[in-house]
């Protein structure tokens, strides 16, 4: 992911927390804020409550990889902050992707059309 596509500054995260819409499930909390730009930006945060640095970094890697896989289906123009919760430590990559896709669906930021995948029903 290139730098303009990452949230890095504390104020960017705070803006998403305060002004964004919040969606959650057992594994993640996401904050979605329209950024009025034509790009998608991701911020990832995992609290020390989740575990030691090894577990936290694993959760962050899973989130980033899942987002990379889902990226083509997500509408542009949003800042998304994903907060990892403790049960996320036990997820596989596919389970992480499914959990995030479910939250993105709830947030209505997934494109409904799937023309980029081609016709898979054949």
PDB file of N, CA and C in Angstrom:
ATOM      1  N   UNK A   1       0.836  -1.175   0.000  1.00  0.00           N
ATOM      2  CA  UNK A   1       0.000   0.000   0.000  1.00  0.00           C
ATOM      3  C   UNK A   1       0.882   1.240   0.000  1.00  0.00           C
ATOM      4  N   UNK A   2       0.625   2.181  -0.889  1.00  0.00           N
ATOM      5  CA  UNK A   2       1.405   3.408  -0.910  1.00  0.00           C
ATOM      6  C   UNK A   2       0.981   4.297   0.263  1.00  0.00           C
ATOM      7  N   UNK A   3       1.850   5.237   0.618  1.00  0.00           N
ATOM      8  CA  UNK A   3       1.603   6.087   1.765  1.00  0.00           C
ATOM      9  C   UNK A   3       0.317   6.902   1.728  1.00  0.00           C
ATOM     10  N   UNK A   4      -0.084   7.487   0.582  1.00  0.00           N
ATOM     11  CA  UNK A   4      -1.322   8.275   0.623  1.00  0.00           C
ATOM     12  C   UNK A   4      -2.543   7.416   0.957  1.00  0.00           C
ATOM     13  N   UNK A   5      -2.402   6.097   0.899  1.00  0.00           N
ATOM     14  CA  UNK A   5      -3.538   5.221   1.153  1.00  0.00           C
ATOM     15  C   UNK A   5      -3.574   4.708   2.587  1.00  0.00           C
ATOM     16  N   UNK A   6      -2.735   5.286   3.458  1.00  0.00           N
ATOM     17  CA  UNK A   6      -2.705   4.891   4.864  1.00  0.00           C
ATOM     18  C   UNK A   6      -3.057   6.079   5.733  1.00  0.00           C
ATOM     19  N   UNK A   7      -3.789   5.822   6.797  1.00  0.00           N
ATOM     20  CA  UNK A   7      -3.977   6.833   7.825  1.00  0.00           C
ATOM     21  C   UNK A   7      -2.818   6.680   8.787  1.00  0.00           C
ATOM     22  N   UNK A   8      -2.126   7.774   9.067  1.00  0.00           N
ATOM     23  CA  UNK A   8      -0.958   7.698   9.941  1.00  0.00           C
ATOM     24  C   UNK A   8      -1.040   8.648  11.120  1.00  0.00           C
ATOM     25  N   UNK A   9      -1.565   9.807  10.896  1.00  0.00           N
ATOM     26  CA  UNK A   9      -1.568  10.842  11.927  1.00  0.00           C
ATOM     27  C   UNK A   9      -2.668  10.597  12.951  1.00  0.00           C
ATOM     28  N   UNK A  10      -2.378  10.958  14.174  1.00  0.00           N
ATOM     29  CA  UNK A  10      -3.332  10.793  15.272  1.00  0.00           C
ATOM     30  C   UNK A  10      -4.653  11.519  14.965  1.00  0.00           C
ATOM     31  N   UNK A  11      -4.566  12.727  14.396  1.00  0.00           N
ATOM     32  CA  UNK A  11      -5.779  13.497  14.133  1.00  0.00           C
ATOM     33  C   UNK A  11      -6.650  12.829  13.073  1.00  0.00           C
ATOM     34  N   UNK A  12      -6.028  12.075  12.140  1.00  0.00           N
ATOM     35  CA  UNK A  12      -6.818  11.366  11.117  1.00  0.00           C
ATOM     36  C   UNK A  12      -7.645  10.254  11.768  1.00  0.00           C
ATOM     37  N   UNK A  13      -7.026   9.550  12.711  1.00  0.00           N
ATOM     38  CA  UNK A  13      -7.755   8.512  13.439  1.00  0.00           C
ATOM     39  C   UNK A  13      -8.852   9.140  14.294  1.00  0.00           C
ATOM     40  N   UNK A  14      -8.526  10.237  14.994  1.00  0.00           N
ATOM     41  CA  UNK A  14      -9.509  10.903  15.859  1.00  0.00           C
ATOM     42  C   UNK A  14     -10.715  11.388  15.062  1.00  0.00           C
ATOM     43  N   UNK A  15     -10.457  11.917  13.868  1.00  0.00           N
ATOM     44  CA  UNK A  15     -11.545  12.399  13.013  1.00  0.00           C
ATOM     45  C   UNK A  15     -12.479  11.241  12.647  1.00  0.00           C
ATOM     46  N   UNK A  16     -11.894  10.087  12.329  1.00  0.00           N
ATOM     47  CA  UNK A  16     -12.708   8.916  11.989  1.00  0.00           C
ATOM     48  C   UNK A  16     -13.504   8.440  13.207  1.00  0.00           C
ATOM     49  N   UNK A  17     -12.856   8.433  14.393  1.00  0.00           N
ATOM     50  CA  UNK A  17     -13.551   7.993  15.606  1.00  0.00           C
ATOM     51  C   UNK A  17     -14.722   8.914  15.936  1.00  0.00           C
ATOM     52  N   UNK A  18     -14.511  10.217  15.795  1.00  0.00           N
ATOM     53  CA  UNK A  18     -15.524  11.175  16.222  1.00  0.00           C
ATOM     54  C   UNK A  18     -16.627  11.390  15.182  1.00  0.00           C
ATOM     55  N   UNK A  19     -16.266  11.392  13.899  1.00  0.00           N
ATOM     56  CA  UNK A  19     -17.236  11.738  12.860  1.00  0.00           C
ATOM     57  C   UNK A  19     -17.688  10.556  12.018  1.00  0.00           C
ATOM     58  N   UNK A  20     -16.982   9.449  12.112  1.00  0.00           N
ATOM     59  CA  UNK A  20     -17.303   8.308  11.258  1.00  0.00           C
ATOM     60  C   UNK A  20     -18.437   7.461  11.808  1.00  0.00           C
ATOM     61  N   UNK A  21     -18.983   6.621  10.951  1.00  0.00           N
ATOM     62  CA  UNK A  21     -19.990   5.661  11.380  1.00  0.00           C
ATOM     63  C   UNK A  21     -19.284   4.423  11.908  1.00  0.00           C
ATOM     64  N   UNK A  22     -19.830   3.849  12.974  1.00  0.00           N
ATOM     65  CA  UNK A  22     -19.182   2.742  13.661  1.00  0.00           C
ATOM     66  C   UNK A  22     -19.963   1.457  13.411  1.00  0.00           C
ATOM     67  N   UNK A  23     -19.240   0.400  13.068  1.00  0.00           N
ATOM     68  CA  UNK A  23     -19.834  -0.922  12.853  1.00  0.00           C
ATOM     69  C   UNK A  23     -18.932  -1.925  13.560  1.00  0.00           C
ATOM     70  N   UNK A  24     -19.518  -2.979  14.101  1.00  0.00           N
ATOM     71  CA  UNK A  24     -18.687  -3.927  14.826  1.00  0.00           C
ATOM     72  C   UNK A  24     -19.241  -5.339  14.735  1.00  0.00           C
ATOM     73  N   UNK A  25     -18.345  -6.265  14.977  1.00  0.00           N
ATOM     74  CA  UNK A  25     -18.728  -7.656  15.187  1.00  0.00           C
ATOM     75  C   UNK A  25     -17.823  -8.196  16.287  1.00  0.00           C
ATOM     76  N   UNK A  26     -17.771  -9.484  16.440  1.00  0.00           N
ATOM     77  CA  UNK A  26     -17.003 -10.098  17.509  1.00  0.00           C
ATOM     78  C   UNK A  26     -15.499  -9.801  17.402  1.00  0.00           C
ATOM     79  N   UNK A  27     -15.011  -9.642  16.180  1.00  0.00           N
ATOM     80  CA  UNK A  27     -13.569  -9.565  15.943  1.00  0.00           C
ATOM     81  C   UNK A  27     -13.033  -8.159  15.703  1.00  0.00           C
ATOM     82  N   UNK A  28     -13.863  -7.299  15.123  1.00  0.00           N
ATOM     83  CA  UNK A  28     -13.378  -5.976  14.718  1.00  0.00           C
ATOM     84  C   UNK A  28     -14.419  -4.899  14.971  1.00  0.00           C
ATOM     85  N   UNK A  29     -13.923  -3.675  15.116  1.00  0.00           N
ATOM     86  CA  UNK A  29     -14.765  -2.477  15.083  1.00  0.00           C
ATOM     87  C   UNK A  29     -14.218  -1.663  13.928  1.00  0.00           C
ATOM     88  N   UNK A  30     -15.092  -1.177  13.055  1.00  0.00           N
ATOM     89  CA  UNK A  30     -14.613  -0.302  11.985  1.00  0.00           C
ATOM     90  C   UNK A  30     -15.313   1.050  12.084  1.00  0.00           C
ATOM     91  N   UNK A  31     -14.565   2.072  11.739  1.00  0.00           N
ATOM     92  CA  UNK A  31     -15.089   3.431  11.639  1.00  0.00           C
ATOM     93  C   UNK A  31     -14.937   3.839  10.192  1.00  0.00           C
ATOM     94  N   UNK A  32     -16.039   4.285   9.597  1.00  0.00           N
ATOM     95  CA  UNK A  32     -16.038   4.633   8.178  1.00  0.00           C
ATOM     96  C   UNK A  32     -16.426   6.098   8.041  1.00  0.00           C
ATOM     97  N   UNK A  33     -15.553   6.849   7.399  1.00  0.00           N
ATOM     98  CA  UNK A  33     -15.777   8.279   7.218  1.00  0.00           C
ATOM     99  C   UNK A  33     -15.554   8.638   5.764  1.00  0.00           C
ATOM    100  N   UNK A  34     -16.517   9.324   5.170  1.00  0.00           N
ATOM    101  CA  UNK A  34     -16.374   9.779   3.783  1.00  0.00           C
ATOM    102  C   UNK A  34     -15.290  10.847   3.754  1.00  0.00           C
ATOM    103  N   UNK A  35     -14.277  10.685   2.871  1.00  0.00           N
ATOM    104  CA  UNK A  35     -13.155  11.630   2.874  1.00  0.00           C
ATOM    105  C   UNK A  35     -13.186  12.639   1.726  1.00  0.00           C
ATOM    106  N   UNK A  36     -14.220  12.615   0.891  1.00  0.00           N
ATOM    107  CA  UNK A  36     -14.394  13.572  -0.211  1.00  0.00           C
ATOM    108  C   UNK A  36     -13.193  13.583  -1.168  1.00  0.00           C
ATOM    109  N   UNK A  37     -12.500  12.474  -1.270  1.00  0.00           N
ATOM    110  CA  UNK A  37     -11.410  12.314  -2.229  1.00  0.00           C
ATOM    111  C   UNK A  37     -11.741  11.077  -3.061  1.00  0.00           C
ATOM    112  N   UNK A  38     -10.956  10.842  -4.077  1.00  0.00           N
ATOM    113  CA  UNK A  38     -11.246   9.658  -4.884  1.00  0.00           C
ATOM    114  C   UNK A  38     -10.271   8.529  -4.569  1.00  0.00           C
ATOM    115  N   UNK A  39      -9.899   8.424  -3.299  1.00  0.00           N
ATOM    116  CA  UNK A  39      -9.080   7.288  -2.894  1.00  0.00           C
ATOM    117  C   UNK A  39      -9.552   6.729  -1.554  1.00  0.00           C
ATOM    118  N   UNK A  40      -9.118   5.536  -1.291  1.00  0.00           N
ATOM    119  CA  UNK A  40      -9.505   4.779  -0.112  1.00  0.00           C
ATOM    120  C   UNK A  40      -8.314   4.737   0.827  1.00  0.00           C
ATOM    121  N   UNK A  41      -8.526   5.053   2.100  1.00  0.00           N
ATOM    122  CA  UNK A  41      -7.413   5.023   3.045  1.00  0.00           C
ATOM    123  C   UNK A  41      -7.753   4.127   4.218  1.00  0.00           C
ATOM    124  N   UNK A  42      -6.765   3.366   4.669  1.00  0.00           N
ATOM    125  CA  UNK A  42      -6.961   2.408   5.753  1.00  0.00           C
ATOM    126  C   UNK A  42      -6.072   2.778   6.933  1.00  0.00           C
ATOM    127  N   UNK A  43      -6.640   2.701   8.124  1.00  0.00           N
ATOM    128  CA  UNK A  43      -5.886   2.817   9.364  1.00  0.00           C
ATOM    129  C   UNK A  43      -6.159   1.572  10.179  1.00  0.00           C
ATOM    130  N   UNK A  44      -5.126   1.036  10.796  1.00  0.00           N
ATOM    131  CA  UNK A  44      -5.267  -0.188  11.580  1.00  0.00           C
ATOM    132  C   UNK A  44      -4.762   0.084  12.978  1.00  0.00           C
ATOM    133  N   UNK A  45      -5.524  -0.333  13.981  1.00  0.00           N
ATOM    134  CA  UNK A  45      -5.085  -0.192  15.351  1.00  0.00           C
ATOM    135  C   UNK A  45      -5.487  -1.430  16.141  1.00  0.00           C
ATOM    136  N   UNK A  46      -4.568  -1.885  16.983  1.00  0.00           N
ATOM    137  CA  UNK A  46      -4.819  -3.051  17.829  1.00  0.00           C
ATOM    138  C   UNK A  46      -4.280  -2.705  19.216  1.00  0.00           C
ATOM    139  N   UNK A  47      -5.131  -2.758  20.207  1.00  0.00           N
ATOM    140  CA  UNK A  47      -4.782  -2.357  21.563  1.00  0.00           C
ATOM    141  C   UNK A  47      -3.883  -3.384  22.253  1.00  0.00           C
ATOM    142  N   UNK A  48      -3.181  -2.925  23.268  1.00  0.00           N
ATOM    143  CA  UNK A  48      -2.341  -3.836  24.051  1.00  0.00           C
ATOM    144  C   UNK A  48      -3.176  -4.865  24.811  1.00  0.00           C
ATOM    145  N   UNK A  49      -4.477  -4.598  24.967  1.00  0.00           N
ATOM    146  CA  UNK A  49      -5.367  -5.566  25.615  1.00  0.00           C
ATOM    147  C   UNK A  49      -5.474  -6.849  24.799  1.00  0.00           C
ATOM    148  N   UNK A  50      -5.231  -6.748  23.497  1.00  0.00           N
ATOM    149  CA  UNK A  50      -5.364  -7.904  22.601  1.00  0.00           C
ATOM    150  C   UNK A  50      -4.283  -8.940  22.891  1.00  0.00           C
ATOM    151  N   UNK A  51      -3.088  -8.491  23.246  1.00  0.00           N
ATOM    152  CA  UNK A  51      -2.013  -9.428  23.539  1.00  0.00           C
ATOM    153  C   UNK A  51      -0.668  -8.754  23.407  1.00  0.00           C
ATOM    154  N   UNK A  52       0.355  -9.559  23.455  1.00  0.00           N
ATOM    155  CA  UNK A  52       1.720  -9.037  23.308  1.00  0.00           C
ATOM    156  C   UNK A  52       1.954  -8.634  21.857  1.00  0.00           C
ATOM    157  N   UNK A  53       3.112  -8.048  21.584  1.00  0.00           N
ATOM    158  CA  UNK A  53       3.375  -7.477  20.262  1.00  0.00           C
ATOM    159  C   UNK A  53       3.261  -8.504  19.137  1.00  0.00           C
ATOM    160  N   UNK A  54       3.635  -9.754  19.406  1.00  0.00           N
ATOM    161  CA  UNK A  54       3.560 -10.776  18.356  1.00  0.00           C
ATOM    162  C   UNK A  54       2.111 -10.981  17.908  1.00  0.00           C
ATOM    163  N   UNK A  55       1.196 -11.101  18.875  1.00  0.00           N
ATOM    164  CA  UNK A  55      -0.218 -11.278  18.524  1.00  0.00           C
ATOM    165  C   UNK A  55      -0.787 -10.029  17.859  1.00  0.00           C
ATOM    166  N   UNK A  56      -0.441  -8.863  18.396  1.00  0.00           N
ATOM    167  CA  UNK A  56      -0.963  -7.617  17.819  1.00  0.00           C
ATOM    168  C   UNK A  56      -0.498  -7.444  16.384  1.00  0.00           C
ATOM    169  N   UNK A  57       0.786  -7.698  16.134  1.00  0.00           N
ATOM    170  CA  UNK A  57       1.310  -7.546  14.779  1.00  0.00           C
ATOM    171  C   UNK A  57       0.691  -8.562  13.826  1.00  0.00           C
ATOM    172  N   UNK A  58       0.412  -9.770  14.306  1.00  0.00           N
ATOM    173  CA  UNK A  58      -0.239 -10.779  13.468  1.00  0.00           C
ATOM    174  C   UNK A  58      -1.638 -10.301  13.069  1.00  0.00           C
ATOM    175  N   UNK A  59      -2.382  -9.763  14.026  1.00  0.00           N
ATOM    176  CA  UNK A  59      -3.732  -9.259  13.737  1.00  0.00           C
ATOM    177  C   UNK A  59      -3.649  -8.127  12.714  1.00  0.00           C
ATOM    178  N   UNK A  60      -2.673  -7.230  12.873  1.00  0.00           N
ATOM    179  CA  UNK A  60      -2.523  -6.123  11.919  1.00  0.00           C
ATOM    180  C   UNK A  60      -2.189  -6.640  10.519  1.00  0.00           C
ATOM    181  N   UNK A  61      -1.316  -7.635  10.443  1.00  0.00           N
ATOM    182  CA  UNK A  61      -0.982  -8.221   9.130  1.00  0.00           C
ATOM    183  C   UNK A  61      -2.197  -8.862   8.492  1.00  0.00           C
ATOM    184  N   UNK A  62      -2.991  -9.584   9.298  1.00  0.00           N
ATOM    185  CA  UNK A  62      -4.209 -10.218   8.777  1.00  0.00           C
ATOM    186  C   UNK A  62      -5.182  -9.162   8.239  1.00  0.00           C
ATOM    187  N   UNK A  63      -5.332  -8.074   8.983  1.00  0.00           N
ATOM    188  CA  UNK A  63      -6.249  -7.006   8.563  1.00  0.00           C
ATOM    189  C   UNK A  63      -5.769  -6.394   7.243  1.00  0.00           C
ATOM    190  N   UNK A  64      -4.476  -6.061   7.173  1.00  0.00           N
ATOM    191  CA  UNK A  64      -3.945  -5.430   5.954  1.00  0.00           C
ATOM    192  C   UNK A  64      -4.061  -6.356   4.743  1.00  0.00           C
ATOM    193  N   UNK A  65      -3.756  -7.638   4.926  1.00  0.00           N
ATOM    194  CA  UNK A  65      -3.843  -8.584   3.810  1.00  0.00           C
ATOM    195  C   UNK A  65      -5.296  -8.772   3.373  1.00  0.00           C
ATOM    196  N   UNK A  66      -6.201  -8.878   4.334  1.00  0.00           N
ATOM    197  CA  UNK A  66      -7.620  -9.032   4.002  1.00  0.00           C
ATOM    198  C   UNK A  66      -8.135  -7.808   3.264  1.00  0.00           C
ATOM    199  N   UNK A  67      -7.706  -6.636   3.714  1.00  0.00           N
ATOM    200  CA  UNK A  67      -8.115  -5.404   3.038  1.00  0.00           C
ATOM    201  C   UNK A  67      -7.577  -5.373   1.614  1.00  0.00           C
ATOM    202  N   UNK A  68      -6.346  -5.817   1.437  1.00  0.00           N
ATOM    203  CA  UNK A  68      -5.753  -5.862   0.096  1.00  0.00           C
ATOM    204  C   UNK A  68      -6.582  -6.747  -0.830  1.00  0.00           C
ATOM    205  N   UNK A  69      -7.064  -7.871  -0.298  1.00  0.00           N
ATOM    206  CA  UNK A  69      -7.888  -8.788  -1.092  1.00  0.00           C
ATOM    207  C   UNK A  69      -9.256  -8.175  -1.416  1.00  0.00           C
ATOM    208  N   UNK A  70      -9.823  -7.448  -0.451  1.00  0.00           N
ATOM    209  CA  UNK A  70     -11.175  -6.886  -0.609  1.00  0.00           C
ATOM    210  C   UNK A  70     -11.187  -5.546  -1.350  1.00  0.00           C
ATOM    211  N   UNK A  71     -10.033  -4.925  -1.449  1.00  0.00           N
ATOM    212  CA  UNK A  71      -9.922  -3.554  -1.952  1.00  0.00           C
ATOM    213  C   UNK A  71     -10.682  -3.280  -3.249  1.00  0.00           C
ATOM    214  N   UNK A  72     -10.642  -4.209  -4.195  1.00  0.00           N
ATOM    215  CA  UNK A  72     -11.296  -3.969  -5.484  1.00  0.00           C
ATOM    216  C   UNK A  72     -12.816  -3.907  -5.347  1.00  0.00           C
ATOM    217  N   UNK A  73     -13.348  -4.463  -4.271  1.00  0.00           N
ATOM    218  CA  UNK A  73     -14.801  -4.461  -4.064  1.00  0.00           C
ATOM    219  C   UNK A  73     -15.285  -3.281  -3.229  1.00  0.00           C
ATOM    220  N   UNK A  74     -14.352  -2.532  -2.616  1.00  0.00           N
ATOM    221  CA  UNK A  74     -14.734  -1.439  -1.716  1.00  0.00           C
ATOM    222  C   UNK A  74     -14.830  -0.132  -2.494  1.00  0.00           C
ATOM    223  N   UNK A  75     -15.883   0.631  -2.211  1.00  0.00           N
ATOM    224  CA  UNK A  75     -16.067   1.930  -2.871  1.00  0.00           C
ATOM    225  C   UNK A  75     -14.959   2.886  -2.444  1.00  0.00           C
ATOM    226  N   UNK A  76     -14.511   3.732  -3.374  1.00  0.00           N
ATOM    227  CA  UNK A  76     -13.470   4.709  -3.057  1.00  0.00           C
ATOM    228  C   UNK A  76     -14.084   5.930  -2.383  1.00  0.00           C
ATOM    229  N   UNK A  77     -13.228   6.733  -1.770  1.00  0.00           N
ATOM    230  CA  UNK A  77     -13.704   7.961  -1.135  1.00  0.00           C
ATOM    231  C   UNK A  77     -13.978   7.816   0.349  1.00  0.00           C
ATOM    232  N   UNK A  78     -13.362   6.823   0.985  1.00  0.00           N
ATOM    233  CA  UNK A  78     -13.600   6.598   2.415  1.00  0.00           C
ATOM    234  C   UNK A  78     -12.294   6.444   3.169  1.00  0.00           C
ATOM    235  N   UNK A  79     -12.313   6.904   4.415  1.00  0.00           N
ATOM    236  CA  UNK A  79     -11.273   6.570   5.375  1.00  0.00           C
ATOM    237  C   UNK A  79     -11.856   5.469   6.245  1.00  0.00           C
ATOM    238  N   UNK A  80     -11.131   4.384   6.395  1.00  0.00           N
ATOM    239  CA  UNK A  80     -11.609   3.252   7.188  1.00  0.00           C
ATOM    240  C   UNK A  80     -10.579   2.969   8.270  1.00  0.00           C
ATOM    241  N   UNK A  81     -11.018   2.973   9.513  1.00  0.00           N
ATOM    242  CA  UNK A  81     -10.153   2.582  10.620  1.00  0.00           C
ATOM    243  C   UNK A  81     -10.668   1.243  11.127  1.00  0.00           C
ATOM    244  N   UNK A  82      -9.786   0.253  11.163  1.00  0.00           N
ATOM    245  CA  UNK A  82     -10.146  -1.076  11.661  1.00  0.00           C
ATOM    246  C   UNK A  82      -9.456  -1.261  13.008  1.00  0.00           C
ATOM    247  N   UNK A  83     -10.256  -1.580  14.022  1.00  0.00           N
ATOM    248  CA  UNK A  83      -9.733  -1.829  15.362  1.00  0.00           C
ATOM    249  C   UNK A  83      -9.863  -3.324  15.633  1.00  0.00           C
ATOM    250  N   UNK A  84      -8.727  -3.967  15.897  1.00  0.00           N
ATOM    251  CA  UNK A  84      -8.734  -5.401  16.187  1.00  0.00           C
ATOM    252  C   UNK A  84      -9.152  -5.656  17.620  1.00  0.00           C
ATOM    253  N   UNK A  85      -9.993  -6.669  17.822  1.00  0.00           N
ATOM    254  CA  UNK A  85     -10.414  -7.060  19.166  1.00  0.00           C
ATOM    255  C   UNK A  85      -9.740  -8.377  19.542  1.00  0.00           C
ATOM    256  N   UNK A  86      -9.773  -8.719  20.805  1.00  0.00           N
ATOM    257  CA  UNK A  86      -9.051  -9.897  21.314  1.00  0.00           C
ATOM    258  C   UNK A  86      -9.348 -11.192  20.563  1.00  0.00           C
ATOM    259  N   UNK A  87     -10.610 -11.545  20.254  1.00  0.00           N
ATOM    260  CA  UNK A  87     -10.846 -12.820  19.559  1.00  0.00           C
ATOM    261  C   UNK A  87     -10.219 -12.897  18.163  1.00  0.00           C
ATOM    262  N   UNK A  88      -9.815 -11.756  17.597  1.00  0.00           N
ATOM    263  CA  UNK A  88      -9.221 -11.746  16.255  1.00  0.00           C
ATOM    264  C   UNK A  88      -7.879 -12.482  16.223  1.00  0.00           C
ATOM    265  N   UNK A  89      -7.267 -12.690  17.384  1.00  0.00           N
ATOM    266  CA  UNK A  89      -5.974 -13.400  17.456  1.00  0.00           C
ATOM    267  C   UNK A  89      -6.077 -14.819  16.910  1.00  0.00           C
ATOM    268  N   UNK A  90      -7.264 -15.405  17.014  1.00  0.00           N
ATOM    269  CA  UNK A  90      -7.414 -16.812  16.631  1.00  0.00           C
ATOM    270  C   UNK A  90      -7.925 -17.007  15.206  1.00  0.00           C
ATOM    271  N   UNK A  91      -8.069 -15.929  14.449  1.00  0.00           N
ATOM    272  CA  UNK A  91      -8.621 -16.034  13.100  1.00  0.00           C
ATOM    273  C   UNK A  91      -7.581 -16.482  12.075  1.00  0.00           C
ATOM    274  N   UNK A  92      -8.071 -17.160  11.036  1.00  0.00           N
ATOM    275  CA  UNK A  92      -7.231 -17.429   9.868  1.00  0.00           C
ATOM    276  C   UNK A  92      -7.377 -16.240   8.919  1.00  0.00           C
ATOM    277  N   UNK A  93      -6.587 -16.248   7.861  1.00  0.00           N
ATOM    278  CA  UNK A  93      -6.658 -15.152   6.891  1.00  0.00           C
ATOM    279  C   UNK A  93      -8.047 -15.097   6.237  1.00  0.00           C
ATOM    280  N   UNK A  94      -8.585 -16.258   5.868  1.00  0.00           N
ATOM    281  CA  UNK A  94      -9.898 -16.303   5.212  1.00  0.00           C
ATOM    282  C   UNK A  94     -11.001 -15.841   6.163  1.00  0.00           C
ATOM    283  N   UNK A  95     -10.921 -16.239   7.421  1.00  0.00           N
ATOM    284  CA  UNK A  95     -11.925 -15.816   8.406  1.00  0.00           C
ATOM    285  C   UNK A  95     -11.855 -14.311   8.635  1.00  0.00           C
ATOM    286  N   UNK A  96     -10.644 -13.772   8.629  1.00  0.00           N
ATOM    287  CA  UNK A  96     -10.471 -12.323   8.780  1.00  0.00           C
ATOM    288  C   UNK A  96     -11.116 -11.597   7.610  1.00  0.00           C
ATOM    289  N   UNK A  97     -10.859 -12.107   6.418  1.00  0.00           N
ATOM    290  CA  UNK A  97     -11.430 -11.491   5.220  1.00  0.00           C
ATOM    291  C   UNK A  97     -12.953 -11.539   5.271  1.00  0.00           C
ATOM    292  N   UNK A  98     -13.526 -12.676   5.670  1.00  0.00           N
ATOM    293  CA  UNK A  98     -14.982 -12.800   5.756  1.00  0.00           C
ATOM    294  C   UNK A  98     -15.563 -11.850   6.796  1.00  0.00           C
ATOM    295  N   UNK A  99     -14.897 -11.727   7.952  1.00  0.00           N
ATOM    296  CA  UNK A  99     -15.388 -10.837   9.010  1.00  0.00           C
ATOM    297  C   UNK A  99     -15.356  -9.380   8.548  1.00  0.00           C
ATOM    298  N   UNK A 100     -14.275  -8.980   7.873  1.00  0.00           N
ATOM    299  CA  UNK A 100     -14.191  -7.600   7.374  1.00  0.00           C
ATOM    300  C   UNK A 100     -15.191  -7.351   6.252  1.00  0.00           C
ATOM    301  N   UNK A 101     -15.344  -8.328   5.363  1.00  0.00           N
ATOM    302  CA  UNK A 101     -16.315  -8.178   4.266  1.00  0.00           C
ATOM    303  C   UNK A 101     -17.718  -7.990   4.829  1.00  0.00           C
ATOM    304  N   UNK A 102     -18.037  -8.736   5.887  1.00  0.00           N
ATOM    305  CA  UNK A 102     -19.351  -8.612   6.529  1.00  0.00           C
ATOM    306  C   UNK A 102     -19.554  -7.204   7.087  1.00  0.00           C
ATOM    307  N   UNK A 103     -18.511  -6.655   7.725  1.00  0.00           N
ATOM    308  CA  UNK A 103     -18.620  -5.293   8.262  1.00  0.00           C
ATOM    309  C   UNK A 103     -18.716  -4.256   7.146  1.00  0.00           C
ATOM    310  N   UNK A 104     -17.943  -4.445   6.085  1.00  0.00           N
ATOM    311  CA  UNK A 104     -18.017  -3.519   4.954  1.00  0.00           C
ATOM    312  C   UNK A 104     -19.403  -3.565   4.323  1.00  0.00           C
ATOM    313  N   UNK A 105     -20.002  -4.746   4.289  1.00  0.00           N
ATOM    314  CA  UNK A 105     -21.368  -4.906   3.766  1.00  0.00           C
ATOM    315  C   UNK A 105     -22.341  -4.126   4.646  1.00  0.00           C
ATOM    316  N   UNK A 106     -22.190  -4.271   5.973  1.00  0.00           N
ATOM    317  CA  UNK A 106     -23.050  -3.541   6.919  1.00  0.00           C
ATOM    318  C   UNK A 106     -22.901  -2.036   6.730  1.00  0.00           C
ATOM    319  N   UNK A 107     -21.675  -1.602   6.442  1.00  0.00           N
ATOM    320  CA  UNK A 107     -21.402  -0.176   6.271  1.00  0.00           C
ATOM    321  C   UNK A 107     -21.816   0.331   4.890  1.00  0.00           C
ATOM    322  N   UNK A 108     -22.257  -0.577   4.027  1.00  0.00           N
ATOM    323  CA  UNK A 108     -22.688  -0.244   2.661  1.00  0.00           C
ATOM    324  C   UNK A 108     -21.574   0.402   1.850  1.00  0.00           C
ATOM    325  N   UNK A 109     -20.343  -0.093   2.017  1.00  0.00           N
ATOM    326  CA  UNK A 109     -19.231   0.453   1.228  1.00  0.00           C
ATOM    327  C   UNK A 109     -18.681  -0.572   0.240  1.00  0.00           C
ATOM    328  N   UNK A 110     -19.377  -1.690   0.088  1.00  0.00           N
ATOM    329  CA  UNK A 110     -18.973  -2.668  -0.924  1.00  0.00           C
ATOM    330  C   UNK A 110     -19.742  -2.391  -2.204  1.00  0.00           C
ATOM    331  N   UNK A 111     -19.062  -2.474  -3.335  1.00  0.00           N
ATOM    332  CA  UNK A 111     -19.743  -2.339  -4.617  1.00  0.00           C
ATOM    333  C   UNK A 111     -20.629  -3.558  -4.811  1.00  0.00           C
ATOM    334  N   UNK A 112     -21.844  -3.326  -5.262  1.00  0.00           N
ATOM    335  CA  UNK A 112     -22.766  -4.453  -5.467  1.00  0.00           C
ATOM    336  C   UNK A 112     -22.413  -5.237  -6.718  1.00  0.00           C
ATOM    337  N   UNK A 113     -21.904  -4.537  -7.747  1.00  0.00           N
ATOM    338  CA  UNK A 113     -21.570  -5.236  -8.986  1.00  0.00           C
ATOM    339  C   UNK A 113     -20.230  -5.945  -8.838  1.00  0.00           C
ATOM    340  N   UNK A 114     -20.115  -7.069  -9.503  1.00  0.00           N
ATOM    341  CA  UNK A 114     -18.875  -7.838  -9.422  1.00  0.00           C
ATOM    342  C   UNK A 114     -18.312  -8.091 -10.812  1.00  0.00           C
ATOM    343  N   UNK A 115     -18.432  -7.115 -11.688  1.00  0.00           N
ATOM    344  CA  UNK A 115     -17.962  -7.324 -13.050  1.00  0.00           C
ATOM    345  C   UNK A 115     -16.449  -7.510 -13.109  1.00  0.00           C
ATOM    346  N   UNK A 116     -15.710  -7.002 -12.119  1.00  0.00           N
ATOM    347  CA  UNK A 116     -14.258  -7.139 -12.150  1.00  0.00           C
ATOM    348  C   UNK A 116     -13.823  -8.593 -11.948  1.00  0.00           C
ATOM    349  N   UNK A 117     -14.691  -9.439 -11.386  1.00  0.00           N
ATOM    350  CA  UNK A 117     -14.359 -10.843 -11.176  1.00  0.00           C
ATOM    351  C   UNK A 117     -14.624 -11.696 -12.395  1.00  0.00           C
ATOM    352  N   UNK A 118     -15.263 -11.095 -13.383  1.00  0.00           N
ATOM    353  CA  UNK A 118     -15.636 -11.890 -14.553  1.00  0.00           C
ATOM    354  C   UNK A 118     -16.875 -12.718 -14.228  1.00  0.00           C
ATOM    355  N   UNK A 119     -17.227 -13.597 -15.123  1.00  0.00           N
ATOM    356  CA  UNK A 119     -18.392 -14.421 -14.912  1.00  0.00           C
ATOM    357  C   UNK A 119     -17.956 -15.747 -14.297  1.00  0.00           C
ATOM    358  N   UNK A 120     -18.171 -15.900 -12.998  1.00  0.00           N
ATOM    359  CA  UNK A 120     -17.692 -17.080 -12.308  1.00  0.00           C
ATOM    360  C   UNK A 120     -18.685 -18.241 -12.330  1.00  0.00           C
ATOM    361  N   UNK A 121     -19.876 -18.001 -12.788  1.00  0.00           N
ATOM    362  CA  UNK A 121     -20.910 -19.045 -12.728  1.00  0.00           C
ATOM    363  C   UNK A 121     -20.793 -20.062 -13.836  1.00  0.00           C
ATOM    364  N   UNK A 122     -19.890 -19.893 -14.747  1.00  0.00           N
ATOM    365  CA  UNK A 122     -19.767 -20.839 -15.863  1.00  0.00           C
ATOM    366  C   UNK A 122     -18.892 -22.003 -15.507  1.00  0.00           C
TER     367      UNK A 122
END
